[in-house]
Amino acid sequence: MGQKVNPISMRLQVNKDWRSKWFVSKRDYAKYLRDDLLARRLIIDKLGARAAINKVDIERSPNLVTVTVMTAKAGVVIGRGGAGAQELKTAVEKIYGVPTRINIEEVKKPELYAKLVAENVAHQLERRISFRRAIKAGAAATMRAGAKGVRIEIAGRLNGADMSRREKEIAGSVPLHTLRADVDYAQIDAKTPGAGIVGVKVWIYKGEVV
């Protein structure tokens, strides 16, 4: 009992889609997967938390790779006069070895995306802000943005305590078993000073998909 499953993988083909779209034989699978992981890591390391990246979608055809970066701060990714996007394109092309197209999509309401909310809470924990205030403020902002429900859970040595524990903040309803429910989920590690890693998990319920 009590085994948890990732809410996004559970809803694949119902109302969620794959982050990487390609199909290859068993022989090439490991290489394709490695390239995708390297490209994602490169984009996130290059732009960091400044760009508030929600997700990176990768689609491959035989002679073109399309990388879509969903970000709350498109200006940071594009850079001055498009220099940032061009630099990113060159770096990603080196990994894949084929022509690459970079699409940058702006996220209008960052409070409705689990990864961005989790990153925001994690940054606050890293700056030694009280964990209760951080998760309460995060949940309240998400509800104000129009979510039907939000659940934020943190676990670790909270406030530098010697014993790790788990705390959560729930607002509205988050139906984890309803496949029709559009639930966004993310998990981030906060590297807190003096207390090691604190895990942050966020579930955001945006209503049912008909």
N, C-alpha and C. Protein backbone atom coordinates (compact mmCIF):
# COMPACT_ATOMS: atom_id res chain seq x y z
N MET A 1 0.84 -1.21 0.00
CA MET A 1 0.00 0.00 0.00
C MET A 1 0.87 1.26 0.00
N GLY A 2 0.29 2.33 -0.46
CA GLY A 2 0.97 3.62 -0.36
C GLY A 2 2.08 3.83 -1.37
N GLN A 3 2.16 2.99 -2.42
CA GLN A 3 3.20 3.19 -3.43
C GLN A 3 2.78 4.35 -4.33
N LYS A 4 3.68 5.32 -4.48
CA LYS A 4 3.33 6.50 -5.27
C LYS A 4 3.84 6.34 -6.71
N VAL A 5 3.08 6.91 -7.63
CA VAL A 5 3.49 6.86 -9.03
C VAL A 5 3.54 8.31 -9.53
N ASN A 6 4.45 8.59 -10.47
CA ASN A 6 4.56 9.94 -11.02
C ASN A 6 3.26 10.31 -11.75
N PRO A 7 2.58 11.39 -11.34
CA PRO A 7 1.28 11.74 -11.93
C PRO A 7 1.34 12.02 -13.43
N ILE A 8 2.53 12.41 -13.94
CA ILE A 8 2.62 12.71 -15.37
C ILE A 8 2.73 11.43 -16.18
N SER A 9 3.61 10.50 -15.76
CA SER A 9 3.75 9.24 -16.51
C SER A 9 2.46 8.43 -16.45
N MET A 10 1.72 8.56 -15.34
CA MET A 10 0.45 7.83 -15.19
C MET A 10 -0.59 8.33 -16.20
N ARG A 11 -0.48 9.61 -16.59
CA ARG A 11 -1.48 10.20 -17.49
C ARG A 11 -1.01 10.30 -18.95
N LEU A 12 0.11 9.68 -19.28
CA LEU A 12 0.58 9.71 -20.67
C LEU A 12 -0.50 9.13 -21.58
N GLN A 13 -0.71 9.78 -22.69
CA GLN A 13 -1.72 9.40 -23.69
C GLN A 13 -3.16 9.72 -23.25
N VAL A 14 -3.35 10.09 -21.99
CA VAL A 14 -4.70 10.51 -21.57
C VAL A 14 -4.79 12.03 -21.76
N ASN A 15 -3.98 12.78 -21.00
CA ASN A 15 -3.94 14.23 -21.24
C ASN A 15 -2.53 14.80 -21.13
N LYS A 16 -1.52 13.93 -21.07
CA LYS A 16 -0.13 14.40 -21.05
C LYS A 16 0.59 13.82 -22.28
N ASP A 17 1.73 14.43 -22.61
CA ASP A 17 2.46 13.95 -23.78
C ASP A 17 3.92 13.69 -23.40
N TRP A 18 4.62 12.92 -24.22
CA TRP A 18 6.03 12.63 -23.96
C TRP A 18 6.87 13.89 -24.11
N ARG A 19 7.96 13.96 -23.34
CA ARG A 19 8.87 15.12 -23.44
C ARG A 19 9.84 14.93 -24.61
N SER A 20 10.06 13.68 -25.01
CA SER A 20 10.90 13.39 -26.18
C SER A 20 10.07 12.60 -27.17
N LYS A 21 10.07 13.03 -28.44
CA LYS A 21 9.27 12.33 -29.44
C LYS A 21 10.18 11.82 -30.55
N TRP A 22 10.44 10.54 -30.55
CA TRP A 22 11.18 9.88 -31.62
C TRP A 22 11.02 8.38 -31.48
N PHE A 23 11.35 7.66 -32.52
CA PHE A 23 11.19 6.20 -32.51
C PHE A 23 12.39 5.58 -33.20
N VAL A 24 13.12 4.71 -32.49
CA VAL A 24 14.31 4.07 -33.08
C VAL A 24 14.36 2.59 -32.69
N SER A 25 15.29 1.88 -33.34
CA SER A 25 15.47 0.47 -33.00
C SER A 25 16.14 0.35 -31.63
N LYS A 26 16.09 -0.85 -31.10
CA LYS A 26 16.66 -1.12 -29.77
C LYS A 26 18.15 -0.77 -29.72
N ARG A 27 18.81 -0.94 -30.86
CA ARG A 27 20.26 -0.74 -30.93
C ARG A 27 20.65 0.73 -30.68
N ASP A 28 19.83 1.66 -31.19
CA ASP A 28 20.16 3.10 -31.10
C ASP A 28 19.51 3.80 -29.91
N TYR A 29 18.67 3.08 -29.20
CA TYR A 29 17.87 3.73 -28.14
C TYR A 29 18.74 4.44 -27.09
N ALA A 30 19.79 3.75 -26.61
CA ALA A 30 20.63 4.32 -25.55
C ALA A 30 21.31 5.61 -26.00
N LYS A 31 21.77 5.63 -27.26
CA LYS A 31 22.46 6.83 -27.77
C LYS A 31 21.49 8.01 -27.87
N TYR A 32 20.28 7.74 -28.37
CA TYR A 32 19.27 8.81 -28.49
C TYR A 32 18.91 9.37 -27.12
N LEU A 33 18.73 8.47 -26.17
CA LEU A 33 18.36 8.89 -24.81
C LEU A 33 19.48 9.72 -24.19
N ARG A 34 20.73 9.25 -24.38
CA ARG A 34 21.89 9.97 -23.83
C ARG A 34 21.97 11.39 -24.39
N ASP A 35 21.77 11.50 -25.72
CA ASP A 35 21.82 12.82 -26.37
C ASP A 35 20.76 13.77 -25.81
N ASP A 36 19.55 13.22 -25.61
CA ASP A 36 18.46 14.05 -25.07
C ASP A 36 18.79 14.53 -23.65
N LEU A 37 19.32 13.63 -22.83
CA LEU A 37 19.66 13.99 -21.45
C LEU A 37 20.76 15.05 -21.43
N LEU A 38 21.77 14.88 -22.32
CA LEU A 38 22.86 15.86 -22.41
C LEU A 38 22.34 17.23 -22.84
N ALA A 39 21.44 17.23 -23.83
CA ALA A 39 20.89 18.50 -24.34
C ALA A 39 20.10 19.22 -23.26
N ARG A 40 19.27 18.46 -22.53
CA ARG A 40 18.47 19.07 -21.46
C ARG A 40 19.37 19.64 -20.36
N ARG A 41 20.40 18.84 -19.99
CA ARG A 41 21.31 19.30 -18.92
C ARG A 41 22.05 20.56 -19.37
N LEU A 42 22.47 20.58 -20.64
CA LEU A 42 23.20 21.73 -21.17
C LEU A 42 22.33 23.00 -21.11
N ILE A 43 21.06 22.88 -21.53
CA ILE A 43 20.16 24.04 -21.54
C ILE A 43 19.92 24.54 -20.12
N ILE A 44 19.67 23.61 -19.19
CA ILE A 44 19.38 24.02 -17.81
C ILE A 44 20.62 24.59 -17.12
N ASP A 45 21.80 23.98 -17.39
CA ASP A 45 23.04 24.50 -16.78
C ASP A 45 23.41 25.87 -17.36
N LYS A 46 23.17 26.04 -18.64
CA LYS A 46 23.55 27.29 -19.32
C LYS A 46 22.68 28.46 -18.86
N LEU A 47 21.38 28.19 -18.74
CA LEU A 47 20.46 29.27 -18.41
C LEU A 47 20.15 29.34 -16.91
N GLY A 48 20.27 28.19 -16.24
CA GLY A 48 20.08 28.15 -14.79
C GLY A 48 18.69 28.60 -14.37
N ALA A 49 18.59 29.01 -13.12
CA ALA A 49 17.30 29.42 -12.57
C ALA A 49 16.88 30.79 -13.09
N ARG A 50 17.82 31.55 -13.68
CA ARG A 50 17.49 32.90 -14.18
C ARG A 50 16.35 32.86 -15.19
N ALA A 51 16.38 31.81 -16.04
CA ALA A 51 15.43 31.78 -17.15
C ALA A 51 14.09 31.14 -16.76
N ALA A 52 14.00 30.56 -15.58
CA ALA A 52 12.76 29.89 -15.11
C ALA A 52 12.21 28.96 -16.19
N ILE A 53 12.98 27.89 -16.49
CA ILE A 53 12.58 26.95 -17.54
C ILE A 53 11.60 25.93 -16.97
N ASN A 54 10.44 25.81 -17.63
CA ASN A 54 9.44 24.85 -17.16
C ASN A 54 9.74 23.46 -17.72
N LYS A 55 9.93 23.35 -19.04
CA LYS A 55 10.30 22.05 -19.61
C LYS A 55 10.95 22.23 -20.97
N VAL A 56 11.65 21.18 -21.39
CA VAL A 56 12.32 21.17 -22.70
C VAL A 56 11.79 19.97 -23.48
N ASP A 57 11.07 20.24 -24.56
CA ASP A 57 10.54 19.17 -25.41
C ASP A 57 11.46 18.96 -26.60
N ILE A 58 11.71 17.69 -26.94
CA ILE A 58 12.61 17.39 -28.06
C ILE A 58 11.87 16.49 -29.06
N GLU A 59 11.88 16.92 -30.32
CA GLU A 59 11.24 16.13 -31.38
C GLU A 59 12.27 15.90 -32.48
N ARG A 60 12.40 14.64 -32.92
CA ARG A 60 13.41 14.33 -33.95
C ARG A 60 12.78 13.80 -35.23
N SER A 61 13.30 14.30 -36.35
CA SER A 61 13.01 13.66 -37.63
C SER A 61 14.38 13.27 -38.19
N PRO A 62 14.45 12.50 -39.29
CA PRO A 62 15.76 11.98 -39.74
C PRO A 62 16.87 13.02 -39.87
N ASN A 63 16.56 14.25 -40.33
CA ASN A 63 17.66 15.22 -40.50
C ASN A 63 17.38 16.57 -39.82
N LEU A 64 16.55 16.56 -38.80
CA LEU A 64 16.30 17.79 -38.05
C LEU A 64 15.88 17.47 -36.61
N VAL A 65 16.41 18.23 -35.66
CA VAL A 65 16.00 18.09 -34.26
C VAL A 65 15.33 19.41 -33.86
N THR A 66 14.09 19.32 -33.36
CA THR A 66 13.38 20.52 -32.91
C THR A 66 13.34 20.52 -31.39
N VAL A 67 13.94 21.54 -30.79
CA VAL A 67 13.97 21.66 -29.33
C VAL A 67 13.08 22.83 -28.93
N THR A 68 12.04 22.55 -28.12
CA THR A 68 11.14 23.61 -27.67
C THR A 68 11.40 23.89 -26.19
N VAL A 69 11.79 25.12 -25.90
CA VAL A 69 12.09 25.50 -24.51
C VAL A 69 10.92 26.33 -24.00
N MET A 70 10.22 25.83 -22.96
CA MET A 70 9.13 26.59 -22.35
C MET A 70 9.68 27.33 -21.14
N THR A 71 9.61 28.65 -21.18
CA THR A 71 10.22 29.45 -20.13
C THR A 71 9.34 30.62 -19.72
N ALA A 72 9.49 31.04 -18.47
CA ALA A 72 8.72 32.20 -17.97
C ALA A 72 9.42 33.50 -18.34
N LYS A 73 10.71 33.41 -18.70
CA LYS A 73 11.48 34.62 -19.04
C LYS A 73 12.14 34.43 -20.40
N ALA A 74 11.33 34.60 -21.44
CA ALA A 74 11.82 34.36 -22.81
C ALA A 74 12.99 35.27 -23.16
N GLY A 75 12.97 36.50 -22.65
CA GLY A 75 14.02 37.47 -22.94
C GLY A 75 15.40 36.99 -22.51
N VAL A 76 15.46 36.29 -21.37
CA VAL A 76 16.74 35.78 -20.85
C VAL A 76 17.28 34.70 -21.79
N VAL A 77 16.40 33.85 -22.31
CA VAL A 77 16.82 32.75 -23.20
C VAL A 77 17.27 33.30 -24.55
N ILE A 78 16.48 34.24 -25.10
CA ILE A 78 16.79 34.78 -26.44
C ILE A 78 18.07 35.62 -26.41
N GLY A 79 18.26 36.37 -25.33
CA GLY A 79 19.46 37.21 -25.21
C GLY A 79 19.37 38.46 -26.06
N ARG A 80 20.41 39.30 -25.97
CA ARG A 80 20.40 40.57 -26.71
C ARG A 80 20.55 40.30 -28.21
N GLY A 81 19.54 40.73 -28.97
CA GLY A 81 19.59 40.55 -30.42
C GLY A 81 19.59 39.09 -30.85
N GLY A 82 19.05 38.22 -30.02
CA GLY A 82 18.97 36.79 -30.37
C GLY A 82 20.27 36.03 -30.20
N ALA A 83 21.26 36.65 -29.53
CA ALA A 83 22.58 36.01 -29.37
C ALA A 83 22.48 34.76 -28.50
N GLY A 84 21.66 34.82 -27.45
CA GLY A 84 21.52 33.68 -26.53
C GLY A 84 20.96 32.46 -27.24
N ALA A 85 19.91 32.68 -28.05
CA ALA A 85 19.27 31.58 -28.78
C ALA A 85 20.24 30.97 -29.79
N GLN A 86 21.02 31.81 -30.45
CA GLN A 86 21.99 31.33 -31.45
C GLN A 86 23.08 30.49 -30.79
N GLU A 87 23.55 30.96 -29.63
CA GLU A 87 24.58 30.25 -28.86
C GLU A 87 24.07 28.87 -28.43
N LEU A 88 22.80 28.85 -27.99
CA LEU A 88 22.15 27.61 -27.55
C LEU A 88 22.03 26.64 -28.72
N LYS A 89 21.64 27.17 -29.89
CA LYS A 89 21.47 26.35 -31.10
C LYS A 89 22.80 25.68 -31.47
N THR A 90 23.89 26.45 -31.43
CA THR A 90 25.21 25.92 -31.79
C THR A 90 25.62 24.82 -30.83
N ALA A 91 25.39 25.04 -29.52
CA ALA A 91 25.79 24.06 -28.50
C ALA A 91 24.98 22.77 -28.63
N VAL A 92 23.67 22.89 -28.92
CA VAL A 92 22.81 21.71 -29.04
C VAL A 92 23.15 20.94 -30.33
N GLU A 93 23.48 21.67 -31.41
CA GLU A 93 23.86 21.02 -32.67
C GLU A 93 25.12 20.17 -32.50
N LYS A 94 26.03 20.62 -31.63
CA LYS A 94 27.26 19.85 -31.37
C LYS A 94 26.93 18.49 -30.76
N ILE A 95 25.91 18.46 -29.90
CA ILE A 95 25.52 17.19 -29.25
C ILE A 95 24.89 16.25 -30.27
N TYR A 96 23.97 16.77 -31.09
CA TYR A 96 23.22 15.90 -32.01
C TYR A 96 23.93 15.64 -33.34
N GLY A 97 24.74 16.59 -33.78
CA GLY A 97 25.44 16.41 -35.05
C GLY A 97 24.55 16.55 -36.28
N VAL A 98 23.33 17.07 -36.09
CA VAL A 98 22.43 17.34 -37.23
C VAL A 98 21.83 18.74 -37.03
N PRO A 99 21.29 19.36 -38.10
CA PRO A 99 20.69 20.70 -37.94
C PRO A 99 19.63 20.71 -36.85
N THR A 100 19.62 21.79 -36.06
CA THR A 100 18.70 21.89 -34.91
C THR A 100 17.92 23.19 -35.00
N ARG A 101 16.64 23.09 -34.65
CA ARG A 101 15.79 24.29 -34.59
C ARG A 101 15.41 24.51 -33.12
N ILE A 102 15.60 25.75 -32.64
CA ILE A 102 15.24 26.05 -31.25
C ILE A 102 13.98 26.91 -31.25
N ASN A 103 12.92 26.42 -30.62
CA ASN A 103 11.69 27.21 -30.45
C ASN A 103 11.62 27.67 -28.99
N ILE A 104 11.31 28.93 -28.78
CA ILE A 104 11.19 29.43 -27.40
C ILE A 104 9.75 29.85 -27.18
N GLU A 105 9.09 29.18 -26.21
CA GLU A 105 7.70 29.51 -25.90
C GLU A 105 7.63 30.13 -24.52
N GLU A 106 6.85 31.21 -24.42
CA GLU A 106 6.76 31.89 -23.12
C GLU A 106 5.58 31.35 -22.32
N VAL A 107 5.83 31.11 -21.04
CA VAL A 107 4.78 30.66 -20.11
C VAL A 107 4.14 31.90 -19.53
N LYS A 108 2.81 32.02 -19.70
CA LYS A 108 2.13 33.26 -19.28
C LYS A 108 1.96 33.35 -17.76
N LYS A 109 1.54 32.25 -17.13
CA LYS A 109 1.31 32.29 -15.68
C LYS A 109 2.21 31.27 -15.00
N PRO A 110 3.43 31.68 -14.59
CA PRO A 110 4.37 30.71 -13.99
C PRO A 110 3.83 30.04 -12.72
N GLU A 111 2.87 30.69 -12.03
CA GLU A 111 2.33 30.12 -10.77
C GLU A 111 1.51 28.85 -11.02
N LEU A 112 1.16 28.59 -12.31
CA LEU A 112 0.35 27.40 -12.63
C LEU A 112 1.19 26.22 -13.10
N TYR A 113 2.52 26.33 -13.01
CA TYR A 113 3.40 25.26 -13.47
C TYR A 113 4.21 24.73 -12.29
N ALA A 114 4.07 23.42 -12.02
CA ALA A 114 4.64 22.81 -10.82
C ALA A 114 6.15 23.02 -10.70
N LYS A 115 6.89 22.89 -11.82
CA LYS A 115 8.35 23.01 -11.74
C LYS A 115 8.77 24.42 -11.31
N LEU A 116 8.07 25.42 -11.84
CA LEU A 116 8.43 26.80 -11.50
C LEU A 116 8.07 27.14 -10.06
N VAL A 117 6.94 26.59 -9.58
CA VAL A 117 6.55 26.80 -8.18
C VAL A 117 7.55 26.11 -7.25
N ALA A 118 7.94 24.86 -7.61
CA ALA A 118 8.90 24.10 -6.80
C ALA A 118 10.24 24.82 -6.74
N GLU A 119 10.69 25.36 -7.89
CA GLU A 119 11.97 26.09 -7.92
C GLU A 119 11.91 27.34 -7.05
N ASN A 120 10.77 28.02 -7.08
CA ASN A 120 10.59 29.23 -6.28
C ASN A 120 10.69 28.90 -4.78
N VAL A 121 10.01 27.81 -4.35
CA VAL A 121 10.06 27.38 -2.94
C VAL A 121 11.49 26.98 -2.58
N ALA A 122 12.15 26.23 -3.48
CA ALA A 122 13.52 25.77 -3.22
C ALA A 122 14.48 26.96 -3.04
N HIS A 123 14.34 28.00 -3.88
CA HIS A 123 15.21 29.18 -3.76
C HIS A 123 14.99 29.88 -2.43
N GLN A 124 13.74 29.92 -2.00
CA GLN A 124 13.45 30.56 -0.71
C GLN A 124 14.07 29.77 0.44
N LEU A 125 14.00 28.44 0.36
CA LEU A 125 14.61 27.60 1.41
C LEU A 125 16.13 27.80 1.42
N GLU A 126 16.72 27.94 0.22
CA GLU A 126 18.18 28.14 0.13
C GLU A 126 18.59 29.50 0.72
N ARG A 127 17.64 30.46 0.69
CA ARG A 127 17.94 31.78 1.27
C ARG A 127 17.54 31.86 2.75
N ARG A 128 17.30 30.70 3.36
CA ARG A 128 16.98 30.57 4.79
C ARG A 128 15.66 31.21 5.19
N ILE A 129 14.74 31.35 4.24
CA ILE A 129 13.40 31.86 4.59
C ILE A 129 12.64 30.73 5.26
N SER A 130 11.79 31.03 6.23
CA SER A 130 11.02 30.02 6.97
C SER A 130 10.25 29.12 6.00
N PHE A 131 10.39 27.81 6.17
CA PHE A 131 9.77 26.88 5.22
C PHE A 131 8.25 27.01 5.21
N ARG A 132 7.66 27.31 6.40
CA ARG A 132 6.20 27.41 6.46
C ARG A 132 5.70 28.59 5.63
N ARG A 133 6.41 29.70 5.75
CA ARG A 133 6.03 30.89 4.98
C ARG A 133 6.19 30.62 3.48
N ALA A 134 7.28 29.93 3.11
CA ALA A 134 7.55 29.65 1.69
C ALA A 134 6.46 28.80 1.06
N ILE A 135 6.06 27.70 1.75
CA ILE A 135 5.06 26.82 1.13
C ILE A 135 3.66 27.43 1.16
N LYS A 136 3.36 28.20 2.22
CA LYS A 136 2.05 28.87 2.29
C LYS A 136 1.92 29.92 1.19
N ALA A 137 2.98 30.72 1.01
CA ALA A 137 2.95 31.77 -0.02
C ALA A 137 2.86 31.15 -1.42
N GLY A 138 3.61 30.04 -1.63
CA GLY A 138 3.58 29.36 -2.93
C GLY A 138 2.20 28.83 -3.26
N ALA A 139 1.55 28.19 -2.27
CA ALA A 139 0.21 27.63 -2.47
C ALA A 139 -0.80 28.75 -2.73
N ALA A 140 -0.71 29.84 -1.97
CA ALA A 140 -1.66 30.95 -2.11
C ALA A 140 -1.53 31.59 -3.51
N ALA A 141 -0.30 31.77 -3.98
CA ALA A 141 -0.08 32.39 -5.31
C ALA A 141 -0.66 31.51 -6.41
N THR A 142 -0.49 30.19 -6.27
CA THR A 142 -1.01 29.25 -7.29
C THR A 142 -2.54 29.29 -7.33
N MET A 143 -3.17 29.34 -6.15
CA MET A 143 -4.64 29.39 -6.10
C MET A 143 -5.15 30.71 -6.69
N ARG A 144 -4.42 31.80 -6.42
CA ARG A 144 -4.84 33.11 -6.97
C ARG A 144 -4.74 33.12 -8.49
N ALA A 145 -3.78 32.35 -9.03
CA ALA A 145 -3.59 32.31 -10.49
C ALA A 145 -4.68 31.52 -11.20
N GLY A 146 -5.52 30.81 -10.44
CA GLY A 146 -6.66 30.12 -11.04
C GLY A 146 -6.62 28.60 -10.99
N ALA A 147 -5.74 28.03 -10.17
CA ALA A 147 -5.69 26.57 -10.05
C ALA A 147 -6.87 26.07 -9.23
N LYS A 148 -7.28 24.80 -9.47
CA LYS A 148 -8.37 24.21 -8.68
C LYS A 148 -7.85 23.67 -7.36
N GLY A 149 -6.55 23.33 -7.33
CA GLY A 149 -5.98 22.79 -6.10
C GLY A 149 -4.46 22.71 -6.21
N VAL A 150 -3.79 22.74 -5.07
CA VAL A 150 -2.33 22.64 -5.05
C VAL A 150 -1.89 21.92 -3.79
N ARG A 151 -0.82 21.14 -3.93
CA ARG A 151 -0.26 20.43 -2.78
C ARG A 151 1.26 20.59 -2.86
N ILE A 152 1.85 21.16 -1.82
CA ILE A 152 3.30 21.36 -1.77
C ILE A 152 3.83 20.58 -0.58
N GLU A 153 4.81 19.71 -0.83
CA GLU A 153 5.35 18.86 0.24
C GLU A 153 6.86 19.05 0.30
N ILE A 154 7.40 19.23 1.50
CA ILE A 154 8.86 19.34 1.63
C ILE A 154 9.33 18.33 2.68
N ALA A 155 10.52 17.79 2.47
CA ALA A 155 11.04 16.78 3.39
C ALA A 155 12.54 16.95 3.53
N GLY A 156 13.04 16.83 4.75
CA GLY A 156 14.47 16.97 5.01
C GLY A 156 14.70 17.62 6.36
N ARG A 157 15.91 18.13 6.56
CA ARG A 157 16.22 18.79 7.83
C ARG A 157 15.71 20.23 7.78
N LEU A 158 14.42 20.39 8.04
CA LEU A 158 13.78 21.70 7.91
C LEU A 158 14.27 22.65 9.00
N ASN A 159 14.57 23.89 8.59
CA ASN A 159 15.12 24.91 9.49
C ASN A 159 16.38 24.44 10.21
N GLY A 160 17.11 23.52 9.58
CA GLY A 160 18.38 23.06 10.15
C GLY A 160 18.23 22.11 11.34
N ALA A 161 17.03 21.54 11.53
CA ALA A 161 16.82 20.61 12.66
C ALA A 161 17.69 19.37 12.49
N ASP A 162 18.02 18.70 13.61
CA ASP A 162 18.87 17.51 13.54
C ASP A 162 18.14 16.32 12.94
N MET A 163 16.83 16.31 13.09
CA MET A 163 16.06 15.17 12.60
C MET A 163 15.21 15.60 11.40
N SER A 164 15.27 14.81 10.34
CA SER A 164 14.51 15.21 9.16
C SER A 164 13.02 14.92 9.37
N ARG A 165 12.20 15.73 8.75
CA ARG A 165 10.76 15.49 8.83
C ARG A 165 10.09 15.97 7.55
N ARG A 166 8.79 15.74 7.48
CA ARG A 166 8.03 16.06 6.26
C ARG A 166 6.91 17.03 6.62
N GLU A 167 6.76 18.07 5.83
CA GLU A 167 5.67 19.04 6.06
C GLU A 167 4.95 19.26 4.74
N LYS A 168 3.64 19.55 4.82
CA LYS A 168 2.92 19.81 3.56
C LYS A 168 1.88 20.90 3.73
N GLU A 169 1.56 21.50 2.60
CA GLU A 169 0.52 22.55 2.55
C GLU A 169 -0.42 22.17 1.41
N ILE A 170 -1.72 22.07 1.72
CA ILE A 170 -2.70 21.69 0.69
C ILE A 170 -3.78 22.77 0.61
N ALA A 171 -4.09 23.20 -0.61
CA ALA A 171 -5.19 24.14 -0.81
C ALA A 171 -6.05 23.60 -1.95
N GLY A 172 -7.35 23.71 -1.82
CA GLY A 172 -8.25 23.15 -2.85
C GLY A 172 -8.19 21.63 -2.85
N SER A 173 -8.48 21.01 -4.00
CA SER A 173 -8.44 19.54 -4.07
C SER A 173 -7.46 19.10 -5.15
N VAL A 174 -6.77 18.00 -4.88
CA VAL A 174 -5.82 17.44 -5.86
C VAL A 174 -6.14 15.95 -6.03
N PRO A 175 -6.99 15.59 -7.02
CA PRO A 175 -7.36 14.17 -7.19
C PRO A 175 -6.26 13.39 -7.91
N LEU A 176 -5.48 12.64 -7.16
CA LEU A 176 -4.32 11.94 -7.75
C LEU A 176 -4.73 10.68 -8.51
N HIS A 177 -5.92 10.14 -8.23
CA HIS A 177 -6.31 8.88 -8.88
C HIS A 177 -7.18 9.08 -10.12
N THR A 178 -7.69 10.31 -10.31
CA THR A 178 -8.56 10.56 -11.46
C THR A 178 -7.72 10.83 -12.70
N LEU A 179 -7.78 9.94 -13.69
CA LEU A 179 -6.95 10.10 -14.88
C LEU A 179 -7.37 11.30 -15.71
N ARG A 180 -8.64 11.67 -15.67
CA ARG A 180 -9.11 12.83 -16.43
C ARG A 180 -8.54 14.14 -15.87
N ALA A 181 -8.16 14.12 -14.60
CA ALA A 181 -7.67 15.33 -13.95
C ALA A 181 -6.35 15.78 -14.56
N ASP A 182 -6.26 17.07 -14.86
CA ASP A 182 -5.01 17.64 -15.41
C ASP A 182 -4.14 18.04 -14.21
N VAL A 183 -3.22 17.15 -13.84
CA VAL A 183 -2.36 17.40 -12.68
C VAL A 183 -0.92 17.59 -13.15
N ASP A 184 -0.34 18.73 -12.81
CA ASP A 184 1.07 18.99 -13.13
C ASP A 184 1.89 18.66 -11.89
N TYR A 185 3.07 18.04 -12.09
CA TYR A 185 3.86 17.58 -10.94
C TYR A 185 5.34 17.87 -11.19
N ALA A 186 6.05 18.21 -10.12
CA ALA A 186 7.51 18.40 -10.25
C ALA A 186 8.18 18.13 -8.91
N GLN A 187 9.43 17.72 -8.99
CA GLN A 187 10.22 17.48 -7.77
C GLN A 187 11.59 18.12 -7.93
N ILE A 188 11.98 18.95 -6.95
CA ILE A 188 13.24 19.71 -7.01
C ILE A 188 13.98 19.51 -5.70
N ASP A 189 15.31 19.50 -5.77
CA ASP A 189 16.13 19.44 -4.55
C ASP A 189 16.62 20.83 -4.20
N ALA A 190 16.40 21.24 -2.96
CA ALA A 190 16.92 22.53 -2.49
C ALA A 190 18.18 22.26 -1.67
N LYS A 191 19.29 22.89 -2.05
CA LYS A 191 20.55 22.70 -1.30
C LYS A 191 20.63 23.77 -0.22
N THR A 192 20.10 23.46 0.95
CA THR A 192 20.01 24.46 2.01
C THR A 192 21.33 24.55 2.78
N PRO A 193 21.76 25.77 3.14
CA PRO A 193 23.03 25.92 3.86
C PRO A 193 22.95 25.34 5.26
N GLY A 194 23.86 24.43 5.57
CA GLY A 194 23.91 23.86 6.92
C GLY A 194 22.96 22.73 7.19
N ALA A 195 22.06 22.42 6.23
CA ALA A 195 21.09 21.34 6.49
C ALA A 195 21.02 20.35 5.33
N GLY A 196 21.93 20.47 4.37
CA GLY A 196 21.96 19.50 3.27
C GLY A 196 20.79 19.68 2.31
N ILE A 197 20.35 18.57 1.73
CA ILE A 197 19.31 18.63 0.68
C ILE A 197 17.92 18.50 1.30
N VAL A 198 17.04 19.40 0.88
CA VAL A 198 15.62 19.33 1.26
C VAL A 198 14.83 19.11 -0.03
N GLY A 199 14.02 18.07 -0.07
CA GLY A 199 13.23 17.77 -1.27
C GLY A 199 11.95 18.59 -1.30
N VAL A 200 11.60 19.10 -2.48
CA VAL A 200 10.36 19.87 -2.66
C VAL A 200 9.54 19.20 -3.75
N LYS A 201 8.29 18.84 -3.43
CA LYS A 201 7.40 18.24 -4.43
C LYS A 201 6.15 19.12 -4.56
N VAL A 202 5.70 19.30 -5.79
CA VAL A 202 4.53 20.15 -6.03
C VAL A 202 3.56 19.45 -6.98
N TRP A 203 2.29 19.41 -6.59
CA TRP A 203 1.21 18.93 -7.46
C TRP A 203 0.25 20.09 -7.68
N ILE A 204 -0.10 20.37 -8.93
CA ILE A 204 -1.07 21.44 -9.22
C ILE A 204 -2.20 20.86 -10.06
N TYR A 205 -3.43 21.01 -9.56
CA TYR A 205 -4.62 20.51 -10.26
C TYR A 205 -5.29 21.67 -11.00
N LYS A 206 -5.41 21.51 -12.33
CA LYS A 206 -5.94 22.61 -13.14
C LYS A 206 -7.35 22.34 -13.67
N GLY A 207 -8.01 21.31 -13.17
CA GLY A 207 -9.35 20.99 -13.65
C GLY A 207 -9.36 19.73 -14.49
N GLU A 208 -10.55 19.27 -14.85
CA GLU A 208 -10.66 18.02 -15.62
C GLU A 208 -10.59 18.31 -17.11
N VAL A 209 -9.95 17.39 -17.82
CA VAL A 209 -9.88 17.50 -19.29
C VAL A 209 -10.97 16.61 -19.87
N VAL A 210 -11.83 17.22 -20.64
CA VAL A 210 -12.97 16.44 -21.18
C VAL A 210 -12.56 15.81 -22.50
